[in-house]
Amino acid sequence: MLADLIAALSRAEREGRLQERIRFFCRPSLLIVDEIGYLPVIAGGGNLFFQLANARYEKGAMILTSNRGFAEWGDVFGDAVVATALLDRLLHHAVVVQIEGSQTAPTCRIDARTRPFESIDNATVFRPAITRTRRPPKNAQFSTSSGAA
């Protein structure tokens, strides 16, 4: 979650360990940042996230999720200049997947529970049936066979 990531970066900055923490978040080949724009970003948080995105730029992949359009990112981060710089780095080699759904349904997850397989607006959802299995009886005998001859 973006708020947690920025809180960790902010804490590291206060402790004088920001570059160390950025290096830590640059190690994985893929960094997933969820819920951009869901919770407010603290003052200076956009700048911290920019430093991380800039450090990962062309070095590691990122998956970002947001319920906000790119035009709203200036409001999300509290600074249009930082948002523009962020988007410049993030979108340079990006593949953008936009999922459009019903604005009346709270989430696709809730809607999917009532329908096992069908299209919810423009997103196809498959929810496999969950079956409960029982433990085998204690005295059950199992035979194993190998395919080797």
Protein backbone atom coordinates (compact mmCIF):
# COMPACT_ATOMS: atom_id res chain seq x y z
CA MET A 1 0.00 0.00 0.00
CA LEU A 2 1.39 3.40 -0.97
CA ALA A 3 0.67 4.94 2.44
CA ASP A 4 2.74 2.23 4.18
CA LEU A 5 5.59 2.60 1.70
CA ILE A 6 5.73 6.36 2.14
CA ALA A 7 5.54 5.99 5.94
CA ALA A 8 8.56 3.65 5.82
CA LEU A 9 10.48 6.09 3.60
CA SER A 10 9.54 9.02 5.84
CA ARG A 11 10.68 7.17 8.95
CA ALA A 12 13.97 6.29 7.26
CA GLU A 13 14.45 9.94 6.25
CA ARG A 14 13.95 11.10 9.87
CA GLU A 15 16.47 8.49 11.03
CA GLY A 16 19.01 9.49 8.37
CA ARG A 17 18.70 6.16 6.53
CA LEU A 18 16.68 7.16 3.45
CA GLN A 19 19.21 6.05 0.84
CA GLU A 20 19.61 2.71 2.60
CA ARG A 21 15.83 2.20 2.59
CA ILE A 22 15.56 3.18 -1.08
CA ARG A 23 18.28 0.63 -1.90
CA PHE A 24 16.26 -1.96 0.04
CA PHE A 25 13.16 -1.26 -2.09
CA CYS A 26 15.28 -1.38 -5.26
CA ARG A 27 16.45 -4.97 -4.61
CA PRO A 28 13.35 -6.87 -5.78
CA SER A 29 12.98 -7.27 -9.53
CA LEU A 30 9.28 -6.39 -9.10
CA LEU A 31 7.80 -3.91 -6.64
CA ILE A 32 4.02 -3.78 -6.28
CA VAL A 33 2.50 -0.57 -4.93
CA ASP A 34 -1.20 -0.85 -4.25
CA GLU A 35 -3.91 1.73 -3.66
CA ILE A 36 -2.34 4.93 -4.96
CA GLY A 37 -4.82 7.67 -4.09
CA TYR A 38 -6.88 5.64 -1.65
CA LEU A 39 -5.39 7.27 1.46
CA PRO A 40 -3.96 10.79 1.58
CA VAL A 41 -0.22 11.14 1.04
CA ILE A 42 1.63 12.93 3.85
CA ALA A 43 3.39 16.21 3.10
CA GLY A 44 6.64 15.43 1.30
CA GLY A 45 5.48 11.88 0.56
CA GLY A 46 5.26 12.50 -3.17
CA ASN A 47 8.88 13.57 -3.20
CA LEU A 48 9.91 10.42 -1.30
CA PHE A 49 7.98 8.19 -3.69
CA PHE A 50 9.53 10.04 -6.64
CA GLN A 51 13.02 9.32 -5.25
CA LEU A 52 12.17 5.62 -5.09
CA ALA A 53 10.61 5.54 -8.57
CA ASN A 54 13.62 7.41 -9.93
CA ALA A 55 16.03 4.95 -8.27
CA ARG A 56 14.13 2.01 -9.80
CA TYR A 57 13.77 3.70 -13.20
CA GLU A 58 14.92 1.28 -15.94
CA LYS A 59 16.31 -1.06 -13.25
CA GLY A 60 13.27 -2.84 -11.85
CA ALA A 61 9.64 -3.39 -12.76
CA MET A 62 6.75 -1.92 -10.82
CA ILE A 63 3.06 -2.72 -10.74
CA LEU A 64 0.93 0.15 -9.50
CA THR A 65 -2.77 0.13 -8.75
CA SER A 66 -4.95 3.19 -8.37
CA ASN A 67 -8.57 4.16 -8.50
CA ARG A 68 -7.53 7.63 -9.68
CA GLY A 69 -6.76 8.78 -13.19
CA PHE A 70 -3.36 10.24 -14.00
CA ALA A 71 -4.87 13.72 -14.21
CA GLU A 72 -5.71 13.45 -10.49
CA TRP A 73 -2.22 12.49 -9.34
CA GLY A 74 -1.28 16.12 -8.69
CA ASP A 75 -4.05 16.17 -6.06
CA VAL A 76 -3.09 12.73 -4.75
CA PHE A 77 0.53 13.75 -4.13
CA GLY A 78 -0.22 17.37 -3.28
CA ASP A 79 2.17 18.66 -5.95
CA ALA A 80 1.54 18.71 -9.69
CA VAL A 81 5.26 19.04 -10.49
CA VAL A 82 6.16 15.94 -8.46
CA ALA A 83 3.23 14.03 -9.99
CA THR A 84 4.35 14.98 -13.50
CA ALA A 85 7.92 13.88 -12.79
CA LEU A 86 6.63 10.62 -11.29
CA LEU A 87 4.41 9.89 -14.26
CA ASP A 88 7.28 10.68 -16.63
CA ARG A 89 9.40 7.93 -15.03
CA LEU A 90 6.57 5.47 -14.46
CA LEU A 91 4.93 5.69 -17.88
CA HIS A 92 8.07 5.71 -20.04
CA HIS A 93 8.16 1.92 -20.51
CA ALA A 94 4.75 1.18 -19.02
CA VAL A 95 1.84 -0.93 -20.09
CA VAL A 96 -1.31 0.68 -18.72
CA VAL A 97 -4.26 -1.59 -18.03
CA GLN A 98 -7.45 0.29 -17.35
CA ILE A 99 -10.33 -1.65 -15.86
CA GLU A 100 -13.65 0.07 -16.04
CA GLY A 101 -16.37 -1.18 -13.77
CA SER A 102 -19.67 -0.20 -12.34
CA GLN A 103 -19.53 2.87 -10.17
CA THR A 104 -22.48 1.57 -8.16
CA ALA A 105 -20.92 -1.75 -7.11
CA PRO A 106 -18.52 -1.30 -4.17
CA THR A 107 -15.94 -3.66 -5.67
CA CYS A 108 -15.65 -6.38 -8.26
CA ARG A 109 -14.83 -8.82 -5.44
CA ILE A 110 -18.19 -8.32 -3.75
CA ASP A 111 -20.05 -8.48 -7.05
CA ALA A 112 -18.17 -11.64 -8.09
CA ARG A 113 -19.29 -13.56 -5.00
CA THR A 114 -22.83 -13.63 -6.31
CA ARG A 115 -21.91 -14.66 -9.86
CA PRO A 116 -19.34 -17.46 -10.32
CA PHE A 117 -18.39 -16.67 -13.91
CA GLU A 118 -19.48 -13.79 -16.03
CA SER A 119 -18.51 -10.39 -17.22
CA ILE A 120 -18.79 -7.53 -14.75
CA ASP A 121 -18.95 -4.50 -17.01
CA ASN A 122 -15.69 -4.68 -18.99
CA ALA A 123 -13.74 -6.99 -16.65
CA THR A 124 -14.20 -10.75 -16.85
CA VAL A 125 -14.24 -12.43 -13.47
CA PHE A 126 -13.87 -16.14 -12.83
CA ARG A 127 -14.56 -17.38 -9.35
CA PRO A 128 -13.96 -21.11 -9.03
CA ALA A 129 -16.22 -23.07 -6.74
CA ILE A 130 -14.53 -23.82 -3.46
CA THR A 131 -15.10 -27.36 -2.31
CA ARG A 132 -14.35 -28.55 1.14
CA THR A 133 -12.40 -31.78 1.34
CA ARG A 134 -12.45 -34.14 4.25
CA ARG A 135 -9.46 -35.80 5.78
CA PRO A 136 -9.05 -39.45 4.88
CA PRO A 137 -9.96 -41.89 7.63
CA LYS A 138 -7.09 -42.71 9.99
CA ASN A 139 -7.00 -46.33 8.84
CA ALA A 140 -7.08 -45.51 5.13
CA GLN A 141 -4.56 -47.34 2.98
CA PHE A 142 -3.06 -45.54 0.05
CA SER A 143 -1.37 -47.16 -2.84
CA THR A 144 1.22 -45.36 -4.85
CA SER A 145 2.32 -46.29 -8.26
CA SER A 146 5.04 -44.82 -10.31
CA GLY A 147 4.83 -44.45 -14.03
CA ALA A 148 8.28 -45.96 -14.45
CA ALA A 149 8.45 -49.45 -15.92
